[in-house]
C-alpha cells in the first residue's frame, strides 16, 4: 500500500476525553444508556476522526462516483432514526473489501467493495448497515467501554473503525508502529454479535423505507460468503492451509448466521419496490480502479512493483505477497516465516548505522556491508530486548534504493526451525530488490473495471481479454460456484489502464 503514509494514529492516542459521562436516549431502542459521548461529542469526535481516516486511506478521486454514493447514502439517512444529524459518505481509495462508520454520521465504502456489488440496491444494503451502526450509537457505546480502559474517545473511535480489521498485523510493524498497533490489539473492541445483527436489521428497514427491496441485504451477505469460499479454494489450489473463517471478526456472527438472520428479517417486509438500479450502478463504476494503485504498489503474480518509489521485488514460487498500508510482506508457503519490507521514515537517521540504532534498537549484533543490484546495503544480525524483557533474534537488511529511499527488510519467523526452512526464500526475495525498468513500467499499469457483453464462450473467453483469471471474474460478477449470466448481459472485466 502507500508506505509514505505511516499510521498517524499514535498522535491521536493522547487526546483523551475526561468526565464520568452522562445519560442519553438511544434513538433506535428508546432506552436510556450511560455514555461518555453524547450527540454533541459524537459530531465533534467524528469530525476529528474523519480527518485521520482520510489520511490513512485517501479519498478516491472520482467526482461522479463520490456524488453517486453520497446521493444514495443521503437518501437512506433521511429514512433513518437520526435524520437530524449531518451525514458524510465517502468512497476510500482502497482495494480492501470493506465498509465502516464513525460516530457523528461518517460512513465509508471502499472502491474494493463496490467492485463486487451488482447493483445500486446491493450498495445501498452495505451503506444501510453502516448507517445502522451510527443510528444505534454502536461507535459511541464502544468508545464508552474503552474510556474505562484509559483509552481516549478519539483514539477508540479511529482505531476501532480502521484498525479492527488489521489487528493481526505483527512482527516488523512493531518497529515503527508499536504504540498504535499495541493499543489496537489490546484495547479496541469489535462490534458485538448483537450490534452486527442489529445493524443488519436496521439496514433492511432503511432499504424498505427508501424503496429498495430489503432482500438485497441477503445479496450483500452472499457476497461475503462467496469471498470466503473463493479464499478457501484459492488456498487449497496453492497447497496452502485454508484461511481461518472470520479470523478478523472472531467476535462477530458468522456470515452463515447473518444470512439466516437477515433472510428471516427481510421476509417480514412485503411491498412493491423500485428498480434495483443495476444499469445505473454499472455505468458509474465503469472505469473505476481495481486492486492496488501505483501509489500503493502493485502485485502482479509473484512480482511486486512500486512505480512511485521505482522499485520491484519478486516472491519465490509458493510464497505470498501481502501489500499492506505500512509494509510489504513476503510470506512463506507455510505462513510461519516472512520477509517484511518497510520504508524507513526520514527522521530515523541519515546512515544505515543510525537507522539500525534508532529504529531496530538492538542490544547486540554485527553488520556486514554490501550491495544489492547496485544499491548500498547493510545486513545486520543480532538481538533486541522484547516486550517481555527477553532477548529476541533480530536479522535485517537495509538498502538505499532509487530516489534515496531506504528500506529495511526484516527476517521474521515463529521459531528457529521455520527460520532455517524459509531462509533460502527470504534471501532470494531480498536479492530480487532492484530498480524498475521500461518493461516493468508496462507491467505495472493499474487495472480498471470495464463493462462488456457476456460472450458465448463464457468466462473462459472473457478471461482472455481480462487482466484477472476466470475464477476471479466469476467472483467479481457474483457467479462463483453458480450458473453463468445470459449471453449479452453486461458484465465486469478487469483491464490494464
Protein backbone atom coordinates (compact mmCIF):
# COMPACT_ATOMS: atom_id res chain seq x y z
CA UNK A 1 0.00 0.00 0.00
CA UNK A 2 1.10 3.60 0.44
CA UNK A 3 4.28 3.41 2.54
CA UNK A 4 4.62 7.19 2.50
CA UNK A 5 1.52 7.30 4.69
CA UNK A 6 2.66 5.86 8.01
CA UNK A 7 -0.10 5.21 10.51
CA UNK A 8 -0.99 8.60 12.01
CA UNK A 9 -2.99 7.26 14.89
CA UNK A 10 -0.31 7.29 17.56
CA UNK A 11 -0.73 11.03 17.93
CA UNK A 12 -4.44 10.53 18.47
CA UNK A 13 -3.88 8.28 21.45
CA UNK A 14 -3.10 11.21 23.70
CA UNK A 15 -6.36 13.02 23.01
CA UNK A 16 -8.35 11.86 26.00
CA UNK A 17 -11.85 13.00 26.82
CA UNK A 18 -12.45 13.03 30.54
CA UNK A 19 -15.55 13.04 32.65
CA UNK A 20 -17.79 10.44 34.15
CA UNK A 21 -20.25 10.56 31.31
CA UNK A 22 -23.93 11.30 31.08
CA UNK A 23 -27.13 9.53 30.01
CA UNK A 24 -28.79 9.66 26.61
CA UNK A 25 -31.80 8.05 24.99
CA UNK A 26 -30.84 5.62 22.23
CA UNK A 27 -32.68 6.78 19.06
CA UNK A 28 -33.30 3.21 17.90
CA UNK A 29 -34.29 1.41 21.11
CA UNK A 30 -35.70 4.35 23.07
CA UNK A 31 -33.79 3.11 26.10
CA UNK A 32 -31.61 5.27 28.36
CA UNK A 33 -27.91 4.43 28.40
CA UNK A 34 -24.85 5.87 30.10
CA UNK A 35 -22.29 7.34 27.72
CA UNK A 36 -19.09 9.37 27.59
CA UNK A 37 -20.12 10.54 24.11
CA UNK A 38 -23.41 12.39 23.77
CA UNK A 39 -24.59 13.58 20.36
CA UNK A 40 -22.54 16.77 20.50
CA UNK A 41 -19.41 14.77 21.32
CA UNK A 42 -20.20 12.29 18.55
CA UNK A 43 -20.23 15.08 16.00
CA UNK A 44 -17.03 16.63 17.35
CA UNK A 45 -15.04 13.42 17.72
CA UNK A 46 -16.37 12.02 14.46
CA UNK A 47 -15.11 15.08 12.59
CA UNK A 48 -11.65 14.72 14.12
CA UNK A 49 -11.52 11.01 13.38
CA UNK A 50 -12.76 11.60 9.82
CA UNK A 51 -9.60 13.57 9.10
CA UNK A 52 -7.49 10.67 10.38
CA UNK A 53 -9.33 8.16 8.21
CA UNK A 54 -8.76 10.27 5.10
CA UNK A 55 -5.05 10.49 5.92
CA UNK A 56 -4.84 6.71 6.27
CA UNK A 57 -6.86 5.63 3.24
CA UNK A 58 -7.14 8.63 0.94
CA UNK A 59 -10.25 9.68 -0.97
CA UNK A 60 -10.88 8.01 -4.32
CA UNK A 61 -10.58 10.76 -6.91
CA UNK A 62 -13.72 10.26 -8.97
CA UNK A 63 -16.22 13.09 -8.52
CA UNK A 64 -19.03 11.24 -10.29
CA UNK A 65 -18.69 8.12 -8.15
CA UNK A 66 -18.41 10.16 -4.95
CA UNK A 67 -21.56 12.13 -5.83
CA UNK A 68 -23.44 8.93 -6.64
CA UNK A 69 -22.55 7.21 -3.37
CA UNK A 70 -23.39 10.36 -1.42
CA UNK A 71 -26.77 10.62 -3.15
CA UNK A 72 -27.72 7.06 -2.24
CA UNK A 73 -26.36 7.48 1.29
CA UNK A 74 -28.26 10.70 1.93
CA UNK A 75 -31.48 9.08 0.70
CA UNK A 76 -31.06 6.24 3.19
CA UNK A 77 -30.00 8.56 6.02
CA UNK A 78 -33.17 10.64 5.62
CA UNK A 79 -35.17 7.48 6.36
CA UNK A 80 -33.08 6.55 9.39
CA UNK A 81 -33.62 7.11 13.10
CA UNK A 82 -31.18 10.03 13.04
CA UNK A 83 -32.11 12.07 10.02
CA UNK A 84 -31.39 15.18 12.08
CA UNK A 85 -27.58 14.88 12.09
CA UNK A 86 -25.33 15.80 9.14
CA UNK A 87 -24.17 12.75 7.20
CA UNK A 88 -20.97 12.32 5.18
CA UNK A 89 -20.45 9.47 2.73
CA UNK A 90 -17.00 8.82 1.27
CA UNK A 91 -15.50 6.34 -1.19
CA UNK A 92 -12.00 5.46 0.02
CA UNK A 93 -9.15 4.72 -2.36
CA UNK A 94 -8.61 1.19 -1.10
CA UNK A 95 -8.77 -2.24 -2.71
CA UNK A 96 -9.93 -3.75 0.58
CA UNK A 97 -13.43 -5.21 0.56
CA UNK A 98 -14.57 -3.07 3.43
CA UNK A 99 -17.07 -0.53 4.74
CA UNK A 100 -17.26 1.10 8.16
CA UNK A 101 -18.71 4.08 10.00
CA UNK A 102 -17.69 6.59 12.65
CA UNK A 103 -19.91 8.25 15.25
CA UNK A 104 -21.38 11.50 14.02
CA UNK A 105 -22.63 10.26 10.66
CA UNK A 106 -19.41 9.43 8.81
CA UNK A 107 -19.82 6.40 6.53
CA UNK A 108 -17.13 4.90 4.29
CA UNK A 109 -17.13 2.35 1.50
CA UNK A 110 -14.02 1.29 -0.38
CA UNK A 111 -13.82 1.07 -4.13
CA UNK A 112 -12.79 -2.52 -3.41
CA UNK A 113 -16.20 -3.47 -2.06
CA UNK A 114 -18.03 -1.53 -4.79
CA UNK A 115 -16.31 -3.65 -7.45
CA UNK A 116 -18.06 -6.76 -6.09
CA UNK A 117 -21.52 -5.22 -5.86
CA UNK A 118 -24.01 -5.97 -8.65
CA UNK A 119 -26.42 -3.05 -8.42
CA UNK A 120 -27.38 0.08 -6.52
CA UNK A 121 -29.63 -1.79 -4.11
CA UNK A 122 -26.74 -4.04 -3.04
CA UNK A 123 -24.60 -0.97 -2.44
CA UNK A 124 -27.46 0.58 -0.50
CA UNK A 125 -27.53 -2.54 1.68
CA UNK A 126 -23.87 -2.03 2.63
CA UNK A 127 -24.42 1.66 3.34
CA UNK A 128 -27.66 1.00 5.23
CA UNK A 129 -25.86 -1.45 7.50
CA UNK A 130 -23.22 1.16 8.35
CA UNK A 131 -25.88 3.82 8.91
CA UNK A 132 -27.43 1.37 11.38
CA UNK A 133 -24.22 1.31 13.40
CA UNK A 134 -24.40 5.10 13.71
CA UNK A 135 -28.11 5.39 14.44
CA UNK A 136 -27.90 2.72 17.16
CA UNK A 137 -24.86 4.52 18.63
CA UNK A 138 -22.64 1.44 18.41
CA UNK A 139 -19.48 3.51 17.98
CA UNK A 140 -20.37 5.69 20.96
CA UNK A 141 -21.04 2.57 23.04
CA UNK A 142 -17.63 1.20 22.09
CA UNK A 143 -15.94 4.49 22.98
CA UNK A 144 -17.67 4.43 26.36
CA UNK A 145 -16.31 0.93 27.04
CA UNK A 146 -12.82 1.99 26.03
CA UNK A 147 -12.91 5.06 28.27
CA UNK A 148 -12.85 2.76 31.28
CA UNK A 149 -9.64 1.24 29.90
CA UNK A 150 -8.00 4.67 29.78
CA UNK A 151 -8.19 5.00 26.01
CA UNK A 152 -9.34 8.36 24.68
CA UNK A 153 -12.59 8.72 22.79
CA UNK A 154 -10.89 9.84 19.61
CA UNK A 155 -8.37 7.01 19.81
CA UNK A 156 -11.10 4.44 20.38
CA UNK A 157 -13.12 5.90 17.52
CA UNK A 158 -10.34 5.87 14.95
CA UNK A 159 -8.59 2.68 16.00
CA UNK A 160 -11.85 0.83 16.42
CA UNK A 161 -13.14 1.71 12.97
CA UNK A 162 -9.95 1.47 10.95
CA UNK A 163 -7.65 -1.00 12.68
CA UNK A 164 -10.10 -3.64 13.85
CA UNK A 165 -9.57 -5.46 10.57
CA UNK A 166 -5.79 -5.22 10.96
CA UNK A 167 -5.14 -6.43 14.50
CA UNK A 168 -3.39 -9.45 13.06
CA UNK A 169 -0.55 -7.25 11.80
CA UNK A 170 2.50 -8.04 13.88
CA UNK A 171 6.20 -8.66 13.63
CA UNK A 172 8.03 -5.86 11.85
CA UNK A 173 5.25 -3.36 12.37
CA UNK A 174 6.31 -3.12 15.99
CA UNK A 175 9.48 -1.36 14.90
CA UNK A 176 7.63 1.70 13.62
CA UNK A 177 4.09 1.44 14.96
CA UNK A 178 4.30 -0.44 18.23
CA UNK A 179 2.25 2.07 20.18
CA UNK A 180 -0.66 2.32 17.74
CA UNK A 181 -0.78 -1.40 17.00
CA UNK A 182 -0.49 -2.31 20.66
CA UNK A 183 -3.41 -0.12 21.56
CA UNK A 184 -5.44 -1.56 18.71
CA UNK A 185 -4.73 -5.16 19.61
CA UNK A 186 -5.10 -4.68 23.33
CA UNK A 187 -7.99 -2.31 23.77
CA UNK A 188 -10.15 -1.85 20.69
CA UNK A 189 -13.28 -3.93 20.98
CA UNK A 190 -15.06 -5.05 17.84
CA UNK A 191 -18.76 -4.70 17.34
CA UNK A 192 -20.58 -7.40 19.25
CA UNK A 193 -22.67 -10.08 17.62
CA UNK A 194 -25.81 -8.30 18.75
CA UNK A 195 -24.64 -4.99 17.30
CA UNK A 196 -23.80 -6.53 13.92
CA UNK A 197 -27.16 -8.28 13.70
CA UNK A 198 -28.93 -5.10 14.80
CA UNK A 199 -27.13 -3.16 12.05
CA UNK A 200 -28.26 -5.79 9.52
CA UNK A 201 -31.85 -5.41 10.73
CA UNK A 202 -31.69 -1.62 10.58
CA UNK A 203 -30.13 -1.77 7.12
CA UNK A 204 -33.06 -3.81 5.85
CA UNK A 205 -35.51 -1.36 7.44
CA UNK A 206 -33.82 1.63 5.82
CA UNK A 207 -33.79 -0.14 2.45
CA UNK A 208 -37.53 -0.74 2.63
CA UNK A 209 -38.21 2.84 3.70
CA UNK A 210 -36.14 4.07 0.71
CA UNK A 211 -37.95 1.84 -1.80
CA UNK A 212 -35.19 -0.74 -2.13
CA UNK A 213 -36.11 -4.39 -1.70
CA UNK A 214 -34.70 -5.36 1.74
CA UNK A 215 -33.85 -8.79 0.36
CA UNK A 216 -30.80 -7.12 -1.17
CA UNK A 217 -29.30 -7.35 2.31
CA UNK A 218 -29.23 -11.09 1.62
CA UNK A 219 -27.20 -10.43 -1.55
CA UNK A 220 -24.67 -8.43 0.44
CA UNK A 221 -24.08 -11.30 2.87
CA UNK A 222 -23.84 -13.71 -0.05
CA UNK A 223 -21.05 -11.58 -1.50
CA UNK A 224 -19.15 -12.06 1.76
CA UNK A 225 -19.82 -15.80 1.68
CA UNK A 226 -18.52 -16.02 -1.89
CA UNK A 227 -15.37 -14.18 -0.81
CA UNK A 228 -14.88 -16.77 1.95
CA UNK A 229 -15.40 -19.69 -0.42
CA UNK A 230 -13.07 -18.19 -3.03
CA UNK A 231 -10.30 -17.60 -0.47
CA UNK A 232 -10.56 -21.20 0.77
CA UNK A 233 -10.50 -22.64 -2.76
CA UNK A 234 -7.54 -20.47 -3.78
CA UNK A 235 -5.56 -21.53 -0.72
CA UNK A 236 -6.25 -25.20 -1.32
CA UNK A 237 -5.29 -24.90 -5.00
CA UNK A 238 -1.98 -23.37 -3.96
CA UNK A 239 -1.37 -26.14 -1.42
CA UNK A 240 -1.71 -23.71 1.47
CA UNK A 241 -3.82 -24.04 4.60
CA UNK A 242 -7.30 -22.62 4.31
CA UNK A 243 -7.63 -19.21 5.98
CA UNK A 244 -9.37 -19.22 9.31
CA UNK A 245 -13.01 -18.39 8.88
CA UNK A 246 -13.90 -14.96 10.16
CA UNK A 247 -10.48 -14.73 11.78
CA UNK A 248 -10.57 -10.95 11.72
CA UNK A 249 -14.10 -10.86 13.07
CA UNK A 250 -13.91 -13.66 15.59
CA UNK A 251 -16.40 -11.99 17.93
CA UNK A 252 -18.89 -11.31 15.13
CA UNK A 253 -21.64 -13.58 13.88
CA UNK A 254 -20.53 -15.79 11.03
CA UNK A 255 -21.78 -14.97 7.58
CA UNK A 256 -23.96 -18.12 7.74
CA UNK A 257 -25.64 -16.82 10.87
CA UNK A 258 -26.02 -13.35 9.39
CA UNK A 259 -27.52 -14.79 6.21
CA UNK A 260 -30.08 -16.80 8.16
CA UNK A 261 -30.98 -13.83 10.36
CA UNK A 262 -31.32 -11.29 7.56
CA UNK A 263 -33.32 -13.73 5.41
CA UNK A 264 -35.85 -14.13 8.20
CA UNK A 265 -35.94 -10.38 8.77
CA UNK A 266 -36.28 -9.44 5.09
CA UNK A 267 -39.23 -11.83 4.72
CA UNK A 268 -41.20 -9.59 7.10
CA UNK A 269 -41.33 -6.81 4.50
CA UNK A 270 -44.00 -7.03 1.84
CA UNK A 271 -44.41 -4.45 -0.88
CA UNK A 272 -43.56 -3.25 -4.36
CA UNK A 273 -40.11 -1.77 -4.67
CA UNK A 274 -38.35 0.33 -7.28
CA UNK A 275 -35.73 -0.99 -9.70
CA UNK A 276 -32.51 -2.30 -8.19
CA UNK A 277 -30.60 0.37 -10.13
CA UNK A 278 -28.31 -2.17 -11.77
CA UNK A 279 -27.83 -0.33 -15.05
CA UNK A 280 -27.02 2.99 -13.38
CA UNK A 281 -24.66 1.37 -10.92
CA UNK A 282 -22.74 -0.42 -13.65
CA UNK A 283 -22.37 2.76 -15.68
CA UNK A 284 -20.96 4.63 -12.70
CA UNK A 285 -18.32 2.00 -11.78
CA UNK A 286 -17.22 1.60 -15.41
CA UNK A 287 -13.61 2.83 -15.45
CA UNK A 288 -13.18 2.56 -11.66
CA UNK A 289 -9.73 1.50 -10.46
CA UNK A 290 -9.49 -2.17 -9.45
CA UNK A 291 -6.99 -3.57 -7.00
CA UNK A 292 -3.87 -1.73 -5.97
CA UNK A 293 -2.67 1.56 -7.41
CA UNK A 294 0.79 2.75 -8.48
CA UNK A 295 0.89 4.97 -5.40
CA UNK A 296 0.27 1.93 -3.20
CA UNK A 297 2.38 -0.55 -5.14
CA UNK A 298 1.11 -3.27 -7.47
CA UNK A 299 1.17 -7.05 -7.13
CA UNK A 300 1.35 -8.91 -10.43
CA UNK A 301 1.59 -12.65 -9.88
CA UNK A 302 4.82 -13.28 -7.95
CA UNK A 303 6.16 -9.80 -8.68
CA UNK A 304 5.68 -6.54 -6.83
CA UNK A 305 6.15 -3.11 -8.40
CA UNK A 306 6.16 0.30 -6.74
CA UNK A 307 6.32 2.86 -9.57
CA UNK A 308 6.25 5.83 -7.18
CA UNK A 309 9.42 4.56 -5.49
CA UNK A 310 10.86 2.99 -8.62
CA UNK A 311 11.48 -0.48 -7.13
CA UNK A 312 10.45 -4.04 -7.84
CA UNK A 313 10.80 -7.32 -5.93
CA UNK A 314 9.83 -10.92 -6.61
CA UNK A 315 8.45 -13.67 -4.39
CA UNK A 316 9.65 -17.28 -4.75
CA UNK A 317 7.20 -19.84 -6.08
CA UNK A 318 4.59 -20.68 -3.45
CA UNK A 319 5.27 -17.55 -1.39
CA UNK A 320 2.52 -14.95 -0.91
CA UNK A 321 2.79 -11.18 -1.29
CA UNK A 322 0.81 -9.11 1.22
CA UNK A 323 0.73 -5.41 0.36
CA UNK A 324 -0.37 -3.50 3.48
CA UNK A 325 -0.50 0.24 4.25
CA UNK A 326 2.59 0.22 6.41
CA UNK A 327 4.65 -2.62 4.95
CA UNK A 328 5.14 -5.20 2.23
CA UNK A 329 5.30 -8.82 3.39
CA UNK A 330 6.57 -11.87 1.54
CA UNK A 331 5.12 -14.82 3.48
CA UNK A 332 6.36 -18.41 3.25
CA UNK A 333 4.05 -21.15 1.93
CA UNK A 334 3.61 -22.44 5.49
CA UNK A 335 2.81 -18.97 6.78
CA UNK A 336 5.30 -19.31 9.62
CA UNK A 337 8.04 -17.05 8.26
CA UNK A 338 8.26 -13.86 6.24
CA UNK A 339 10.45 -11.13 4.87
CA UNK A 340 8.78 -7.85 5.84
CA UNK A 341 9.80 -4.71 3.97
CA UNK A 342 9.21 -1.26 5.42
CA UNK A 343 10.07 2.20 4.11
CA UNK A 344 12.27 3.97 6.62
CA UNK A 345 10.91 7.37 7.71
CA UNK A 346 13.32 10.28 7.11
CA UNK A 347 13.73 11.02 10.80
CA UNK A 348 15.05 7.51 11.55
CA UNK A 349 18.62 8.50 10.67
CA UNK A 350 20.99 9.63 7.93
CA UNK A 351 23.04 6.43 7.70
CA UNK A 352 22.32 2.72 7.89
CA UNK A 353 24.03 2.58 11.26
CA UNK A 354 21.82 5.42 12.54
CA UNK A 355 18.70 3.63 11.35
CA UNK A 356 19.74 0.34 12.93
CA UNK A 357 20.41 2.08 16.22
CA UNK A 358 17.28 4.29 16.22
CA UNK A 359 14.67 2.07 14.57
CA UNK A 360 15.73 -1.51 15.27
CA UNK A 361 17.19 -0.68 18.71
CA UNK A 362 19.39 -3.79 19.02
CA UNK A 363 21.04 -4.84 22.25
CA UNK A 364 23.88 -6.51 20.36
CA UNK A 365 24.86 -7.58 16.87
CA UNK A 366 27.17 -7.30 13.88
CA UNK A 367 26.86 -5.60 10.48
CA UNK A 368 28.07 -6.61 7.02
CA UNK A 369 28.35 -4.08 4.19
CA UNK A 370 27.41 -4.97 0.64
CA UNK A 371 25.31 -4.19 -2.41
CA UNK A 372 22.04 -5.46 -3.88
CA UNK A 373 21.83 -4.95 -7.64
CA UNK A 374 23.98 -1.84 -7.42
CA UNK A 375 22.38 -0.34 -4.29
CA UNK A 376 24.21 0.11 -0.99
CA UNK A 377 23.08 -2.46 1.57
CA UNK A 378 23.83 -3.37 5.17
CA UNK A 379 22.99 -6.74 6.71
CA UNK A 380 22.53 -6.90 10.48
CA UNK A 381 22.38 -10.00 12.69
CA UNK A 382 21.91 -9.66 16.44
CA UNK A 383 19.29 -9.39 19.15
CA UNK A 384 16.98 -6.89 20.77
CA UNK A 385 15.07 -6.89 24.04
CA UNK A 386 11.48 -7.99 23.53
CA UNK A 387 8.41 -6.59 25.26
CA UNK A 388 8.72 -9.37 27.86
CA UNK A 389 12.29 -8.37 28.62
CA UNK A 390 13.73 -11.47 26.96
CA UNK A 391 16.22 -11.21 24.05
CA UNK A 392 14.78 -11.74 20.58
CA UNK A 393 16.69 -12.71 17.46
CA UNK A 394 16.97 -9.74 15.09
CA UNK A 395 18.05 -10.05 11.48
CA UNK A 396 17.52 -7.37 8.88
CA UNK A 397 18.92 -5.88 5.72
CA UNK A 398 18.86 -2.16 4.95
CA UNK A 399 19.11 -0.99 1.34
CA UNK A 400 19.05 2.52 -0.07
CA UNK A 401 17.32 2.32 -3.43
CA UNK A 402 16.24 4.74 -6.16
CA UNK A 403 15.39 8.32 -5.16
CA UNK A 404 17.47 7.76 -1.99
CA UNK A 405 14.62 5.93 -0.26
CA UNK A 406 15.91 3.48 2.35
CA UNK A 407 14.10 0.24 3.13
CA UNK A 408 14.51 -2.25 5.96
CA UNK A 409 13.87 -5.94 5.29
CA UNK A 410 13.09 -7.85 8.48
CA UNK A 411 13.60 -11.61 8.69
CA UNK A 412 10.67 -12.94 10.75
CA UNK A 413 9.80 -16.48 11.84
CA UNK A 414 7.80 -18.17 14.58
CA UNK A 415 10.73 -20.37 15.63
CA UNK A 416 14.33 -21.26 14.61
CA UNK A 417 13.22 -24.28 12.56
CA UNK A 418 10.80 -22.19 10.50
CA UNK A 419 13.52 -19.56 10.00
CA UNK A 420 16.01 -22.13 8.74
CA UNK A 421 13.49 -23.66 6.34
CA UNK A 422 12.44 -20.27 4.97
CA UNK A 423 15.92 -18.71 4.82
CA UNK A 424 16.59 -19.55 1.13
CA UNK A 425 13.28 -17.95 0.16
CA UNK A 426 13.87 -14.85 2.27
CA UNK A 427 17.38 -14.46 0.86
CA UNK A 428 16.16 -14.87 -2.73
CA UNK A 429 13.44 -12.26 -2.14
CA UNK A 430 15.96 -9.83 -0.69
CA UNK A 431 18.28 -10.29 -3.68
CA UNK A 432 15.40 -9.57 -6.08
CA UNK A 433 15.29 -5.92 -4.96
CA UNK A 434 16.12 -3.74 -7.97
CA UNK A 435 15.16 -0.60 -9.87
CA UNK A 436 12.22 -0.78 -12.27
CA UNK A 437 12.96 -0.65 -15.99
CA UNK A 438 10.79 0.22 -19.00
CA UNK A 439 9.38 -3.31 -19.26
CA UNK A 440 8.43 -3.21 -15.59
CA UNK A 441 6.60 0.09 -16.12
CA UNK A 442 4.37 -1.59 -18.71
CA UNK A 443 3.61 -4.50 -16.39
CA UNK A 444 2.82 -2.05 -13.58
CA UNK A 445 -0.04 -0.29 -15.32
CA UNK A 446 -3.05 -0.02 -12.98
CA UNK A 447 -6.21 -2.02 -13.60
CA UNK A 448 -9.72 -0.67 -14.12
CA UNK A 449 -13.22 -2.17 -14.27
CA UNK A 450 -14.73 -2.36 -17.76
CA UNK A 451 -18.19 -3.45 -18.86
CA UNK A 452 -18.60 -5.85 -21.80
CA UNK A 453 -21.42 -8.11 -23.06
CA UNK A 454 -21.13 -11.65 -21.71
CA UNK A 455 -19.77 -13.77 -24.61
CA UNK A 456 -20.97 -17.13 -25.88
CA UNK A 457 -17.65 -18.64 -24.81
CA UNK A 458 -18.43 -17.81 -21.20
CA UNK A 459 -15.93 -16.75 -18.58
CA UNK A 460 -13.13 -18.72 -20.27
CA UNK A 461 -13.44 -16.45 -23.30
CA UNK A 462 -13.89 -13.41 -21.09
CA UNK A 463 -10.66 -14.19 -19.22
CA UNK A 464 -8.68 -13.90 -22.46
CA UNK A 465 -9.47 -10.18 -22.57
CA UNK A 466 -9.11 -9.59 -18.84
CA UNK A 467 -6.18 -8.94 -16.50
CA UNK A 468 -7.56 -11.35 -13.90
CA UNK A 469 -8.29 -15.08 -14.33
CA UNK A 470 -11.59 -16.82 -14.95
CA UNK A 471 -12.48 -17.63 -11.34
CA UNK A 472 -11.79 -14.09 -10.18
CA UNK A 473 -14.09 -12.81 -12.94
CA UNK A 474 -16.82 -15.16 -11.72
CA UNK A 475 -16.36 -13.82 -8.19
CA UNK A 476 -16.38 -10.25 -9.47
CA UNK A 477 -19.71 -10.88 -11.20
CA UNK A 478 -21.33 -12.79 -8.34
CA UNK A 479 -21.46 -16.11 -10.22
CA UNK A 480 -18.64 -18.01 -8.49
CA UNK A 481 -19.96 -21.51 -7.94
CA UNK A 482 -23.21 -20.58 -9.68
CA UNK A 483 -24.61 -20.54 -13.23
CA UNK A 484 -23.35 -18.11 -15.88
CA UNK A 485 -25.28 -14.94 -16.75
CA UNK A 486 -27.21 -14.80 -20.05
CA UNK A 487 -25.23 -14.15 -23.22
CA UNK A 488 -25.23 -10.43 -23.97
CA UNK A 489 -25.75 -9.28 -20.39
CA UNK A 490 -23.28 -6.57 -19.36
CA UNK A 491 -20.64 -7.99 -17.04
CA UNK A 492 -17.45 -6.72 -15.42
CA UNK A 493 -13.95 -7.43 -16.63
CA UNK A 494 -10.62 -6.02 -15.49
CA UNK A 495 -8.22 -4.43 -17.97
CA UNK A 496 -4.95 -2.55 -17.77
CA UNK A 497 -5.46 1.18 -17.83
